[in-house]
């Protein structure tokens, strides 16, 4: 799966579950939730032990930030 598609998939999974007063806030909340997931992947002990930041997940994060 391409990074952009994964970013949209993660965003969409959270969009329906976050609540907000406006659709803009809902959009931002869903985006932040998806970014938290990616940060958790970066904090995985295996990646941290070897100081690896997987390019795929960096690309997913970049795509999420564009949303």
PDB file of N, CA and C in Angstrom:
ATOM      1  N   UNK A   1       0.848  -1.178   0.000  1.00  0.00           N
ATOM      2  CA  UNK A   1       0.000   0.000   0.000  1.00  0.00           C
ATOM      3  C   UNK A   1       0.892   1.239   0.000  1.00  0.00           C
ATOM      4  N   UNK A   2       0.541   2.203  -0.818  1.00  0.00           N
ATOM      5  CA  UNK A   2       1.308   3.446  -0.874  1.00  0.00           C
ATOM      6  C   UNK A   2       1.101   4.254   0.397  1.00  0.00           C
ATOM      7  N   UNK A   3       2.096   5.054   0.741  1.00  0.00           N
ATOM      8  CA  UNK A   3       2.055   5.847   1.966  1.00  0.00           C
ATOM      9  C   UNK A   3       0.835   6.770   1.992  1.00  0.00           C
ATOM     10  N   UNK A   4       0.517   7.378   0.860  1.00  0.00           N
ATOM     11  CA  UNK A   4      -0.635   8.283   0.814  1.00  0.00           C
ATOM     12  C   UNK A   4      -1.933   7.532   1.116  1.00  0.00           C
ATOM     13  N   UNK A   5      -2.081   6.350   0.540  1.00  0.00           N
ATOM     14  CA  UNK A   5      -3.275   5.539   0.784  1.00  0.00           C
ATOM     15  C   UNK A   5      -3.362   5.125   2.248  1.00  0.00           C
ATOM     16  N   UNK A   6      -2.223   4.764   2.845  1.00  0.00           N
ATOM     17  CA  UNK A   6      -2.205   4.373   4.252  1.00  0.00           C
ATOM     18  C   UNK A   6      -2.582   5.558   5.134  1.00  0.00           C
ATOM     19  N   UNK A   7      -2.090   6.735   4.798  1.00  0.00           N
ATOM     20  CA  UNK A   7      -2.420   7.937   5.561  1.00  0.00           C
ATOM     21  C   UNK A   7      -3.923   8.190   5.522  1.00  0.00           C
ATOM     22  N   UNK A   8      -4.517   8.092   4.359  1.00  0.00           N
ATOM     23  CA  UNK A   8      -5.957   8.307   4.213  1.00  0.00           C
ATOM     24  C   UNK A   8      -6.729   7.224   4.966  1.00  0.00           C
ATOM     25  N   UNK A   9      -6.263   5.990   4.894  1.00  0.00           N
ATOM     26  CA  UNK A   9      -6.927   4.893   5.604  1.00  0.00           C
ATOM     27  C   UNK A   9      -6.927   5.138   7.115  1.00  0.00           C
ATOM     28  N   UNK A  10      -5.779   5.513   7.671  1.00  0.00           N
ATOM     29  CA  UNK A  10      -5.698   5.797   9.103  1.00  0.00           C
ATOM     30  C   UNK A  10      -6.598   6.971   9.477  1.00  0.00           C
ATOM     31  N   UNK A  11      -6.543   8.025   8.687  1.00  0.00           N
ATOM     32  CA  UNK A  11      -7.386   9.201   8.931  1.00  0.00           C
ATOM     33  C   UNK A  11      -8.865   8.812   8.939  1.00  0.00           C
ATOM     34  N   UNK A  12      -9.272   8.064   7.930  1.00  0.00           N
ATOM     35  CA  UNK A  12     -10.678   7.666   7.813  1.00  0.00           C
ATOM     36  C   UNK A  12     -11.137   6.803   8.985  1.00  0.00           C
ATOM     37  N   UNK A  13     -10.257   5.970   9.499  1.00  0.00           N
ATOM     38  CA  UNK A  13     -10.619   5.119  10.635  1.00  0.00           C
ATOM     39  C   UNK A  13     -10.958   5.949  11.864  1.00  0.00           C
ATOM     40  N   UNK A  14     -10.285   7.068  12.046  1.00  0.00           N
ATOM     41  CA  UNK A  14     -10.524   7.896  13.221  1.00  0.00           C
ATOM     42  C   UNK A  14     -11.611   8.942  13.013  1.00  0.00           C
ATOM     43  N   UNK A  15     -11.825   9.373  11.790  1.00  0.00           N
ATOM     44  CA  UNK A  15     -12.732  10.485  11.524  1.00  0.00           C
ATOM     45  C   UNK A  15     -14.117  10.265  12.116  1.00  0.00           C
ATOM     46  N   UNK A  16     -14.665   9.086  11.949  1.00  0.00           N
ATOM     47  CA  UNK A  16     -16.019   8.818  12.442  1.00  0.00           C
ATOM     48  C   UNK A  16     -16.089   8.672  13.954  1.00  0.00           C
ATOM     49  N   UNK A  17     -14.950   8.505  14.603  1.00  0.00           N
ATOM     50  CA  UNK A  17     -14.942   8.262  16.043  1.00  0.00           C
ATOM     51  C   UNK A  17     -14.596   9.478  16.884  1.00  0.00           C
ATOM     52  N   UNK A  18     -14.065  10.505  16.268  1.00  0.00           N
ATOM     53  CA  UNK A  18     -13.728  11.702  17.037  1.00  0.00           C
ATOM     54  C   UNK A  18     -14.888  12.679  16.966  1.00  0.00           C
ATOM     55  N   UNK A  19     -15.090  13.387  18.048  1.00  0.00           N
ATOM     56  CA  UNK A  19     -16.166  14.361  18.102  1.00  0.00           C
ATOM     57  C   UNK A  19     -15.586  15.764  18.169  1.00  0.00           C
ATOM     58  N   UNK A  20     -16.319  16.692  17.613  1.00  0.00           N
ATOM     59  CA  UNK A  20     -15.887  18.084  17.633  1.00  0.00           C
ATOM     60  C   UNK A  20     -17.101  18.961  17.336  1.00  0.00           C
ATOM     61  N   UNK A  21     -16.944  20.244  17.619  1.00  0.00           N
ATOM     62  CA  UNK A  21     -18.034  21.184  17.373  1.00  0.00           C
ATOM     63  C   UNK A  21     -18.153  21.550  15.897  1.00  0.00           C
ATOM     64  N   UNK A  22     -17.048  21.463  15.172  1.00  0.00           N
ATOM     65  CA  UNK A  22     -17.069  21.800  13.742  1.00  0.00           C
ATOM     66  C   UNK A  22     -16.418  20.677  12.945  1.00  0.00           C
ATOM     67  N   UNK A  23     -16.694  20.644  11.656  1.00  0.00           N
ATOM     68  CA  UNK A  23     -16.075  19.621  10.809  1.00  0.00           C
ATOM     69  C   UNK A  23     -14.571  19.859  10.689  1.00  0.00           C
ATOM     70  N   UNK A  24     -14.146  21.115  10.775  1.00  0.00           N
ATOM     71  CA  UNK A  24     -12.714  21.411  10.728  1.00  0.00           C
ATOM     72  C   UNK A  24     -12.009  20.834  11.955  1.00  0.00           C
ATOM     73  N   UNK A  25     -12.647  20.972  13.110  1.00  0.00           N
ATOM     74  CA  UNK A  25     -12.069  20.405  14.331  1.00  0.00           C
ATOM     75  C   UNK A  25     -12.061  18.882  14.267  1.00  0.00           C
ATOM     76  N   UNK A  26     -13.124  18.316  13.732  1.00  0.00           N
ATOM     77  CA  UNK A  26     -13.194  16.866  13.600  1.00  0.00           C
ATOM     78  C   UNK A  26     -12.081  16.377  12.682  1.00  0.00           C
ATOM     79  N   UNK A  27     -11.865  17.087  11.592  1.00  0.00           N
ATOM     80  CA  UNK A  27     -10.796  16.753  10.650  1.00  0.00           C
ATOM     81  C   UNK A  27      -9.439  16.797  11.361  1.00  0.00           C
ATOM     82  N   UNK A  28      -9.182  17.869  12.097  1.00  0.00           N
ATOM     83  CA  UNK A  28      -7.901  18.020  12.796  1.00  0.00           C
ATOM     84  C   UNK A  28      -7.735  16.954  13.873  1.00  0.00           C
ATOM     85  N   UNK A  29      -8.803  16.634  14.596  1.00  0.00           N
ATOM     86  CA  UNK A  29      -8.721  15.606  15.629  1.00  0.00           C
ATOM     87  C   UNK A  29      -8.405  14.232  15.042  1.00  0.00           C
ATOM     88  N   UNK A  30      -9.040  13.899  13.933  1.00  0.00           N
ATOM     89  CA  UNK A  30      -8.773  12.616  13.278  1.00  0.00           C
ATOM     90  C   UNK A  30      -7.334  12.555  12.792  1.00  0.00           C
ATOM     91  N   UNK A  31      -6.866  13.659  12.245  1.00  0.00           N
ATOM     92  CA  UNK A  31      -5.479  13.730  11.766  1.00  0.00           C
ATOM     93  C   UNK A  31      -4.498  13.533  12.926  1.00  0.00           C
ATOM     94  N   UNK A  32      -4.758  14.174  14.044  1.00  0.00           N
ATOM     95  CA  UNK A  32      -3.874  14.052  15.204  1.00  0.00           C
ATOM     96  C   UNK A  32      -3.874  12.623  15.753  1.00  0.00           C
ATOM     97  N   UNK A  33      -5.024  11.978  15.756  1.00  0.00           N
ATOM     98  CA  UNK A  33      -5.085  10.585  16.205  1.00  0.00           C
ATOM     99  C   UNK A  33      -4.240   9.683  15.307  1.00  0.00           C
ATOM    100  N   UNK A  34      -4.351   9.869  14.018  1.00  0.00           N
ATOM    101  CA  UNK A  34      -3.567   9.069  13.079  1.00  0.00           C
ATOM    102  C   UNK A  34      -2.073   9.341  13.252  1.00  0.00           C
ATOM    103  N   UNK A  35      -1.713  10.597  13.495  1.00  0.00           N
ATOM    104  CA  UNK A  35      -0.300  10.922  13.725  1.00  0.00           C
ATOM    105  C   UNK A  35       0.221  10.268  14.999  1.00  0.00           C
ATOM    106  N   UNK A  36      -0.623  10.160  16.013  1.00  0.00           N
ATOM    107  CA  UNK A  36      -0.218   9.488  17.250  1.00  0.00           C
ATOM    108  C   UNK A  36       0.118   8.020  16.971  1.00  0.00           C
ATOM    109  N   UNK A  37      -0.675   7.382  16.138  1.00  0.00           N
ATOM    110  CA  UNK A  37      -0.411   5.985  15.783  1.00  0.00           C
ATOM    111  C   UNK A  37       0.960   5.851  15.136  1.00  0.00           C
ATOM    112  N   UNK A  38       1.270   6.738  14.213  1.00  0.00           N
ATOM    113  CA  UNK A  38       2.562   6.679  13.526  1.00  0.00           C
ATOM    114  C   UNK A  38       3.697   6.936  14.524  1.00  0.00           C
ATOM    115  N   UNK A  39       3.511   7.877  15.425  1.00  0.00           N
ATOM    116  CA  UNK A  39       4.542   8.138  16.447  1.00  0.00           C
ATOM    117  C   UNK A  39       4.756   6.915  17.332  1.00  0.00           C
ATOM    118  N   UNK A  40       3.700   6.194  17.628  1.00  0.00           N
ATOM    119  CA  UNK A  40       3.837   4.968  18.426  1.00  0.00           C
ATOM    120  C   UNK A  40       4.680   3.942  17.672  1.00  0.00           C
ATOM    121  N   UNK A  41       4.514   3.871  16.381  1.00  0.00           N
ATOM    122  CA  UNK A  41       5.342   2.963  15.581  1.00  0.00           C
ATOM    123  C   UNK A  41       6.799   3.388  15.667  1.00  0.00           C
ATOM    124  N   UNK A  42       7.064   4.688  15.578  1.00  0.00           N
ATOM    125  CA  UNK A  42       8.443   5.178  15.694  1.00  0.00           C
ATOM    126  C   UNK A  42       9.036   4.867  17.061  1.00  0.00           C
ATOM    127  N   UNK A  43       8.193   4.792  18.093  1.00  0.00           N
ATOM    128  CA  UNK A  43       8.658   4.526  19.448  1.00  0.00           C
ATOM    129  C   UNK A  43       8.736   3.040  19.778  1.00  0.00           C
ATOM    130  N   UNK A  44       8.467   2.182  18.805  1.00  0.00           N
ATOM    131  CA  UNK A  44       8.579   0.746  19.011  1.00  0.00           C
ATOM    132  C   UNK A  44      10.014   0.424  19.445  1.00  0.00           C
ATOM    133  N   UNK A  45      10.176  -0.416  20.460  1.00  0.00           N
ATOM    134  CA  UNK A  45      11.515  -0.712  20.974  1.00  0.00           C
ATOM    135  C   UNK A  45      12.495  -1.216  19.919  1.00  0.00           C
ATOM    136  N   UNK A  46      12.025  -1.967  18.962  1.00  0.00           N
ATOM    137  CA  UNK A  46      12.943  -2.469  17.928  1.00  0.00           C
ATOM    138  C   UNK A  46      13.488  -1.325  17.099  1.00  0.00           C
ATOM    139  N   UNK A  47      12.616  -0.415  16.686  1.00  0.00           N
ATOM    140  CA  UNK A  47      13.080   0.721  15.902  1.00  0.00           C
ATOM    141  C   UNK A  47      14.001   1.613  16.722  1.00  0.00           C
ATOM    142  N   UNK A  48      13.653   1.799  18.002  1.00  0.00           N
ATOM    143  CA  UNK A  48      14.476   2.652  18.859  1.00  0.00           C
ATOM    144  C   UNK A  48      15.829   2.018  19.128  1.00  0.00           C
ATOM    145  N   UNK A  49      15.871   0.710  19.356  1.00  0.00           N
ATOM    146  CA  UNK A  49      17.129   0.025  19.665  1.00  0.00           C
ATOM    147  C   UNK A  49      18.120   0.154  18.520  1.00  0.00           C
ATOM    148  N   UNK A  50      17.604   0.088  17.318  1.00  0.00           N
ATOM    149  CA  UNK A  50      18.477   0.171  16.153  1.00  0.00           C
ATOM    150  C   UNK A  50      18.489   1.558  15.523  1.00  0.00           C
ATOM    151  N   UNK A  51      17.825   2.496  16.193  1.00  0.00           N
ATOM    152  CA  UNK A  51      17.743   3.878  15.703  1.00  0.00           C
ATOM    153  C   UNK A  51      17.295   3.918  14.245  1.00  0.00           C
ATOM    154  N   UNK A  52      16.235   3.173  13.982  1.00  0.00           N
ATOM    155  CA  UNK A  52      15.675   3.098  12.628  1.00  0.00           C
ATOM    156  C   UNK A  52      14.380   3.892  12.595  1.00  0.00           C
ATOM    157  N   UNK A  53      14.238   4.711  11.594  1.00  0.00           N
ATOM    158  CA  UNK A  53      12.965   5.372  11.335  1.00  0.00           C
ATOM    159  C   UNK A  53      12.531   4.898   9.957  1.00  0.00           C
ATOM    160  N   UNK A  54      11.614   3.953   9.930  1.00  0.00           N
ATOM    161  CA  UNK A  54      11.225   3.378   8.642  1.00  0.00           C
ATOM    162  C   UNK A  54      10.739   4.442   7.669  1.00  0.00           C
ATOM    163  N   UNK A  55      11.303   4.424   6.467  1.00  0.00           N
ATOM    164  CA  UNK A  55      10.949   5.416   5.451  1.00  0.00           C
ATOM    165  C   UNK A  55       9.451   5.390   5.145  1.00  0.00           C
ATOM    166  N   UNK A  56       8.878   4.217   5.062  1.00  0.00           N
ATOM    167  CA  UNK A  56       7.459   4.106   4.750  1.00  0.00           C
ATOM    168  C   UNK A  56       6.623   4.897   5.751  1.00  0.00           C
ATOM    169  N   UNK A  57       6.891   4.721   7.036  1.00  0.00           N
ATOM    170  CA  UNK A  57       6.103   5.397   8.058  1.00  0.00           C
ATOM    171  C   UNK A  57       6.409   6.882   8.110  1.00  0.00           C
ATOM    172  N   UNK A  58       7.627   7.283   7.756  1.00  0.00           N
ATOM    173  CA  UNK A  58       7.942   8.712   7.643  1.00  0.00           C
ATOM    174  C   UNK A  58       7.112   9.306   6.509  1.00  0.00           C
ATOM    175  N   UNK A  59       7.006   8.561   5.407  1.00  0.00           N
ATOM    176  CA  UNK A  59       6.197   9.020   4.280  1.00  0.00           C
ATOM    177  C   UNK A  59       4.716   9.103   4.657  1.00  0.00           C
ATOM    178  N   UNK A  60       4.240   8.132   5.436  1.00  0.00           N
ATOM    179  CA  UNK A  60       2.843   8.160   5.901  1.00  0.00           C
ATOM    180  C   UNK A  60       2.632   9.400   6.760  1.00  0.00           C
ATOM    181  N   UNK A  61       3.563   9.672   7.656  1.00  0.00           N
ATOM    182  CA  UNK A  61       3.450  10.855   8.520  1.00  0.00           C
ATOM    183  C   UNK A  61       3.417  12.126   7.675  1.00  0.00           C
ATOM    184  N   UNK A  62       4.280  12.202   6.693  1.00  0.00           N
ATOM    185  CA  UNK A  62       4.292  13.374   5.811  1.00  0.00           C
ATOM    186  C   UNK A  62       2.961  13.555   5.092  1.00  0.00           C
ATOM    187  N   UNK A  63       2.396  12.447   4.629  1.00  0.00           N
ATOM    188  CA  UNK A  63       1.101  12.510   3.940  1.00  0.00           C
ATOM    189  C   UNK A  63      -0.014  12.932   4.899  1.00  0.00           C
ATOM    190  N   UNK A  64       0.031  12.436   6.123  1.00  0.00           N
ATOM    191  CA  UNK A  64      -0.983  12.839   7.111  1.00  0.00           C
ATOM    192  C   UNK A  64      -0.899  14.330   7.376  1.00  0.00           C
ATOM    193  N   UNK A  65       0.296  14.842   7.480  1.00  0.00           N
ATOM    194  CA  UNK A  65       0.461  16.264   7.764  1.00  0.00           C
ATOM    195  C   UNK A  65      -0.064  17.134   6.634  1.00  0.00           C
ATOM    196  N   UNK A  66      -0.130  16.603   5.432  1.00  0.00           N
ATOM    197  CA  UNK A  66      -0.665  17.341   4.290  1.00  0.00           C
ATOM    198  C   UNK A  66      -2.196  17.389   4.278  1.00  0.00           C
ATOM    199  N   UNK A  67      -2.830  16.449   4.979  1.00  0.00           N
ATOM    200  CA  UNK A  67      -4.294  16.375   4.962  1.00  0.00           C
ATOM    201  C   UNK A  67      -4.922  17.594   5.625  1.00  0.00           C
TER     202      UNK A  67
END
